[in-house]
Amino acid sequence: MPFRTVVAMSPKTQSRVVPVAGTTVSTGIAGLDDVLAGGLMAKRLFLLEGTPGTGKTTLSLQFLLEGAGRGEKGLYVTLSESAVELKASAASHGWSLDGIEVYELVSELGLDPESEQSILHPSEVELGETVREVMERVDALKPTRVVFDSLSELRLLAQNPLRYRRQILALKQFFTARKCTVLMLDDGTADVQLHSIAHGVIVLEQNTRAFGAERRRLRVLKMRGVKVRGGFHDFNLDTGGIRLFPSLIAGEHHAAFDPTTGSTGSTELDLLLGGGLVSGTNTLLLGPSGVGKTTTAVRCMLAALDRGEKATYFLFDEGLATLLARSAMLGMDLRPHIESGALTILPVNPAELAPGEFACRVREAVEDHGSTFVVLDSLNAYIHAMPGEQYLILQMHELLTYLNQKGVTTLLVLGQHGVIGDVRTDIDLSYLSDCILLFRYFEAKGEVRSAISVVKSRVNAHERTIREMKLSSTGLQVGPALADFQGVLSGLPSYAGEMAMLEGAAPESAT
């Protein structure tokens, strides 16, 4: 059979180019087409499996609506919902089912105790009649796409596994002969018999957490003849339908770029870093709360904006109004760059955002907005949004590798627990970072002061010194090396000498 190249249609996700045998049809969900390397194989039968509420009906309607938009006939065979309920569900998404045939196998007449067929009293005769009705409707309409909802009722009618399997096989052969692409919905748990019959199996899951919105994810359990994206993929079910976020594979995204070193906007900080921040690298800003990590990140980002770059700031912890007001107070007004479109600040609610969706937003910032400078502030909230530490490490590895390969300069803000002495982090991301800026508090002349040092850099010959840092109305000040102090990084320094400290108080609320 000849091969053809299929590229997913999503404007938000860059798809792999995969050789696929035969013809594929779009599911109507760009992310799912990407996962399936182009879509579903035409003229085949597929199983869509998941508990009630996972989104099977919505996905099926999008599948049929996509076909209707391409001039294909669609048939929705329902044993579980009425046509009125289906149309109401479609209307809640702003859809119309005009052009899609909805066929109810169980009507008021069918539920009448005096009727010859009653789904409430399963028997071999009723199963045969039900399957025959479906076949007659398909022969009359000649649809290209068919949805059968659901197999749970068909399983009850069959009463035993052998009869049930035979009827499913008969339906499969019938639909294949009529050149129909079929989605069969099943509310039950994994059915090995069904899995062996279907050409492909897609599983939808819904996980409820103690706090925050439920998380939904999709997995392609089986797909004959196609190399699909493995693993779980997050998706949202909202007004307008399903939006799926394919898991990020950094190895698929390479871009040619020349690594350049950009100034941070502070001459002393540039010296500390060995010249500045290098494109295609990520820098971890590590330290206790209030020490100046966010202000340093804003200063570096503003220098990139002044050079004509575009930037995106993902704001997890702080309010947008607070960030803008505090930055302006420190002489770093971000509003002109927001108004020009060069800067996008995206507040993020980790309780509502799935990790896959966040990775997709980062990709959109780079590929759609054209951002070459990205700030994640802070990773502490992102950590709590993840289901476990192991998954966070893997997710961040792919995300940072992707950003590096795109030539993006990335700043990661990570707060540590404690102020002095024993300062700890929720998770160790140091080995993923190309550069680490370490912030610490120390005491001098009866005041709490801040120190900054570069403890790691893979790209520059950086200074090994520890310098004082201060926030002021002119922005960020970095002083000379703290040569007369011992124990600054431990938070318990001792002073021996006459070194002058940075003078001038920071604005009262700029902490």
Foldseek 3Di string as FASTA:
>chain_A
DDWDWAFQPDPLDGADTDIFPADADALLARQVCRQQRRHAHFLFEEEEEAAPPLAPLLSQVSNQVSCVVVVFAEEEEAADDDPVVSQVVQVQLVHGCPRYHYHYPCDPLQCPPPHPHHLVDADPVNLVVSLVVVLVVCVVRLGQEYEYHACVSSCVNQVDDVSSLVSVLVVRVSSSVSRHYYYYYDNDDDDVSVCVRGQWYKYKYWADDPFFDIWIWIATPHHPRTDGQGDIWTWDQDRNGIHIFRAFALVSAFDDDDKDFFALQAPVVCQQQQHHFIFLFEEEEEEAPQLCSVLSLLSSVLSVVVVVFAEEEEAEPDDPVVVQVLCVQLVRHCVVCVVVLRYHYHYDHLSHDALSVVLSVVSCCCPVSVGQEYEYPACVSVQVSDPDDVVVLVSVLSSSSNSSSSRHYYYYYFHWPDAAADTHGPDDPPVSHQWYKYKHWEDDPRDIWMKIHIPHHNPHPGDGFIWTWAGASNGIDTHDGQPQWDCRNRRYIDGDDDDDDDDDHHPPPND
